[in-house]
Amino acid sequence: MESRLPLYKKLLVLYRIEPGCLGPQGMDYVEDFCVFAKQKLKDKHGHCLRWTFKPRYDKSLPEVEFQIKNTVVSRDNAAKYMDSFNIDFAEFEEELDEAIADLVDAFFER
């Protein structure tokens, strides 16, 4: 069994959901979808990652952001962090994109 890190040592994955990815009425659903997505993904790599999903109302903000102790971490440093837990960063990003697409479908099927 993997030991879990204290929260302050975990890498926070902040994923901003664009309302448009939820269809033409996405603005009506985006807040609820963020809660739904966090609930579904909270345990994915839970030993070393934390998850936050927020609506992406401001397009100047990045879609995905990484933080440790409320400090933004570069993609390169996030990749190094994940590598230390044997998580391939490129695979992680690809799986995350697929998971979000699957969650959109699941959200509307519930």
C-alpha atoms as a PDB file:
ATOM      1  CA  MET A   1       0.000   0.000   0.000  1.00  0.00           C
ATOM      2  CA  GLU A   2       1.292   3.442  -0.908  1.00  0.00           C
ATOM      3  CA  SER A   3       1.759   5.864   1.936  1.00  0.00           C
ATOM      4  CA  ARG A   4      -0.167   9.097   1.581  1.00  0.00           C
ATOM      5  CA  LEU A   5       1.491  12.457   1.769  1.00  0.00           C
ATOM      6  CA  PRO A   6       0.161  15.221   4.002  1.00  0.00           C
ATOM      7  CA  LEU A   7      -2.055  17.617   2.048  1.00  0.00           C
ATOM      8  CA  TYR A   8       0.494  20.413   2.064  1.00  0.00           C
ATOM      9  CA  LYS A   9       3.022  18.224   0.214  1.00  0.00           C
ATOM     10  CA  LYS A  10       0.614  17.068  -2.487  1.00  0.00           C
ATOM     11  CA  LEU A  11       0.573  18.612  -5.926  1.00  0.00           C
ATOM     12  CA  LEU A  12      -2.711  20.399  -6.568  1.00  0.00           C
ATOM     13  CA  VAL A  13      -4.110  19.914 -10.053  1.00  0.00           C
ATOM     14  CA  LEU A  14      -6.394  22.873 -10.778  1.00  0.00           C
ATOM     15  CA  TYR A  15      -8.475  22.144 -13.865  1.00  0.00           C
ATOM     16  CA  ARG A  16     -10.604  24.939 -15.236  1.00  0.00           C
ATOM     17  CA  ILE A  17     -13.661  23.702 -17.115  1.00  0.00           C
ATOM     18  CA  GLU A  18     -14.873  25.782 -20.034  1.00  0.00           C
ATOM     19  CA  PRO A  19     -18.656  26.051 -19.951  1.00  0.00           C
ATOM     20  CA  GLY A  20     -18.736  25.464 -23.716  1.00  0.00           C
ATOM     21  CA  CYS A  21     -17.447  21.910 -23.307  1.00  0.00           C
ATOM     22  CA  LEU A  22     -20.803  21.154 -21.654  1.00  0.00           C
ATOM     23  CA  GLY A  23     -22.797  22.221 -24.690  1.00  0.00           C
ATOM     24  CA  PRO A  24     -24.746  25.345 -25.619  1.00  0.00           C
ATOM     25  CA  GLN A  25     -26.238  25.654 -22.119  1.00  0.00           C
ATOM     26  CA  GLY A  26     -22.906  24.923 -20.438  1.00  0.00           C
ATOM     27  CA  MET A  27     -23.115  28.036 -18.274  1.00  0.00           C
ATOM     28  CA  ASP A  28     -26.138  26.450 -16.574  1.00  0.00           C
ATOM     29  CA  TYR A  29     -24.214  23.285 -15.695  1.00  0.00           C
ATOM     30  CA  VAL A  30     -20.552  24.185 -15.223  1.00  0.00           C
ATOM     31  CA  GLU A  31     -20.653  24.758 -11.445  1.00  0.00           C
ATOM     32  CA  ASP A  32     -22.389  21.421 -10.819  1.00  0.00           C
ATOM     33  CA  PHE A  33     -20.062  19.670 -13.245  1.00  0.00           C
ATOM     34  CA  CYS A  34     -17.017  20.925 -11.316  1.00  0.00           C
ATOM     35  CA  VAL A  35     -18.380  19.358  -8.113  1.00  0.00           C
ATOM     36  CA  PHE A  36     -19.181  16.144 -10.002  1.00  0.00           C
ATOM     37  CA  ALA A  37     -15.713  15.951 -11.604  1.00  0.00           C
ATOM     38  CA  LYS A  38     -13.898  16.466  -8.307  1.00  0.00           C
ATOM     39  CA  GLN A  39     -15.940  13.738  -6.662  1.00  0.00           C
ATOM     40  CA  LYS A  40     -15.152  11.306  -9.479  1.00  0.00           C
ATOM     41  CA  LEU A  41     -11.413  12.057  -9.735  1.00  0.00           C
ATOM     42  CA  LYS A  42     -10.513  12.825  -6.118  1.00  0.00           C
ATOM     43  CA  ASP A  43      -8.881   9.431  -5.592  1.00  0.00           C
ATOM     44  CA  LYS A  44      -6.927   9.326  -8.862  1.00  0.00           C
ATOM     45  CA  HIS A  45      -3.290   9.354  -7.712  1.00  0.00           C
ATOM     46  CA  GLY A  46      -4.692  10.460  -4.356  1.00  0.00           C
ATOM     47  CA  HIS A  47      -1.492   9.454  -2.598  1.00  0.00           C
ATOM     48  CA  CYS A  48       0.333  12.424  -4.150  1.00  0.00           C
ATOM     49  CA  LEU A  49      -2.237  14.655  -5.924  1.00  0.00           C
ATOM     50  CA  ARG A  50      -5.147  16.869  -4.907  1.00  0.00           C
ATOM     51  CA  TRP A  51      -7.813  17.996  -7.347  1.00  0.00           C
ATOM     52  CA  THR A  52      -9.766  21.193  -7.827  1.00  0.00           C
ATOM     53  CA  PHE A  53     -12.164  21.935 -10.651  1.00  0.00           C
ATOM     54  CA  LYS A  54     -13.398  25.449 -11.331  1.00  0.00           C
ATOM     55  CA  PRO A  55     -15.299  27.079 -14.166  1.00  0.00           C
ATOM     56  CA  ARG A  56     -13.051  28.825 -16.665  1.00  0.00           C
ATOM     57  CA  TYR A  57     -14.841  32.128 -16.965  1.00  0.00           C
ATOM     58  CA  ASP A  58     -11.591  34.012 -17.580  1.00  0.00           C
ATOM     59  CA  LYS A  59      -9.942  32.654 -20.724  1.00  0.00           C
ATOM     60  CA  SER A  60      -6.681  34.392 -19.861  1.00  0.00           C
ATOM     61  CA  LEU A  61      -6.197  31.802 -17.113  1.00  0.00           C
ATOM     62  CA  PRO A  62      -4.641  28.469 -18.088  1.00  0.00           C
ATOM     63  CA  GLU A  63      -6.891  25.435 -18.442  1.00  0.00           C
ATOM     64  CA  VAL A  64      -4.647  23.385 -16.140  1.00  0.00           C
ATOM     65  CA  GLU A  65      -2.505  24.791 -13.352  1.00  0.00           C
ATOM     66  CA  PHE A  66      -0.344  23.043 -10.787  1.00  0.00           C
ATOM     67  CA  GLN A  67       0.319  24.279  -7.254  1.00  0.00           C
ATOM     68  CA  ILE A  68       2.070  23.223  -4.073  1.00  0.00           C
ATOM     69  CA  LYS A  69       1.413  25.187  -0.883  1.00  0.00           C
ATOM     70  CA  ASN A  70      -0.647  27.770  -2.838  1.00  0.00           C
ATOM     71  CA  THR A  71       2.323  28.475  -5.107  1.00  0.00           C
ATOM     72  CA  VAL A  72       2.078  27.911  -8.853  1.00  0.00           C
ATOM     73  CA  VAL A  73       4.402  25.184 -10.106  1.00  0.00           C
ATOM     74  CA  SER A  74       5.648  25.126 -13.710  1.00  0.00           C
ATOM     75  CA  ARG A  75       4.661  22.257 -16.000  1.00  0.00           C
ATOM     76  CA  ASP A  76       8.275  21.072 -15.979  1.00  0.00           C
ATOM     77  CA  ASN A  77       8.364  20.968 -12.187  1.00  0.00           C
ATOM     78  CA  ALA A  78       4.953  19.292 -12.068  1.00  0.00           C
ATOM     79  CA  ALA A  79       6.306  16.662 -14.465  1.00  0.00           C
ATOM     80  CA  LYS A  80       9.358  16.130 -12.241  1.00  0.00           C
ATOM     81  CA  TYR A  81       7.134  15.829  -9.179  1.00  0.00           C
ATOM     82  CA  MET A  82       4.920  13.255 -10.893  1.00  0.00           C
ATOM     83  CA  ASP A  83       7.955  11.394 -12.186  1.00  0.00           C
ATOM     84  CA  SER A  84       9.125  10.954  -8.585  1.00  0.00           C
ATOM     85  CA  PHE A  85       5.879   8.980  -8.065  1.00  0.00           C
ATOM     86  CA  ASN A  86       6.319   7.026 -11.318  1.00  0.00           C
ATOM     87  CA  ILE A  87       3.560   8.952 -13.083  1.00  0.00           C
ATOM     88  CA  ASP A  88       4.352   9.685 -16.724  1.00  0.00           C
ATOM     89  CA  PHE A  89       3.335  13.319 -17.275  1.00  0.00           C
ATOM     90  CA  ALA A  90       2.399  12.946 -20.955  1.00  0.00           C
ATOM     91  CA  GLU A  91       0.230   9.926 -20.160  1.00  0.00           C
ATOM     92  CA  PHE A  92      -1.273  11.776 -17.204  1.00  0.00           C
ATOM     93  CA  GLU A  93      -2.333  14.686 -19.434  1.00  0.00           C
ATOM     94  CA  GLU A  94      -3.765  12.375 -22.083  1.00  0.00           C
ATOM     95  CA  GLU A  95      -5.678  10.325 -19.507  1.00  0.00           C
ATOM     96  CA  LEU A  96      -6.981  13.488 -17.869  1.00  0.00           C
ATOM     97  CA  ASP A  97      -8.349  14.834 -21.161  1.00  0.00           C
ATOM     98  CA  GLU A  98     -10.050  11.484 -21.822  1.00  0.00           C
ATOM     99  CA  ALA A  99     -11.407  11.350 -18.270  1.00  0.00           C
ATOM    100  CA  ILE A 100     -12.931  14.832 -18.596  1.00  0.00           C
ATOM    101  CA  ALA A 101     -14.630  13.848 -21.874  1.00  0.00           C
ATOM    102  CA  ASP A 102     -15.982  10.671 -20.236  1.00  0.00           C
ATOM    103  CA  LEU A 103     -17.156  12.652 -17.203  1.00  0.00           C
ATOM    104  CA  VAL A 104     -19.077  15.081 -19.415  1.00  0.00           C
ATOM    105  CA  ASP A 105     -20.965  12.104 -20.874  1.00  0.00           C
ATOM    106  CA  ALA A 106     -21.510  10.570 -17.415  1.00  0.00           C
ATOM    107  CA  PHE A 107     -22.678  13.912 -15.994  1.00  0.00           C
ATOM    108  CA  PHE A 108     -25.502  14.197 -18.528  1.00  0.00           C
ATOM    109  CA  GLU A 109     -26.449  10.508 -18.263  1.00  0.00           C
ATOM    110  CA  ARG A 110     -27.004  10.578 -14.506  1.00  0.00           C
END
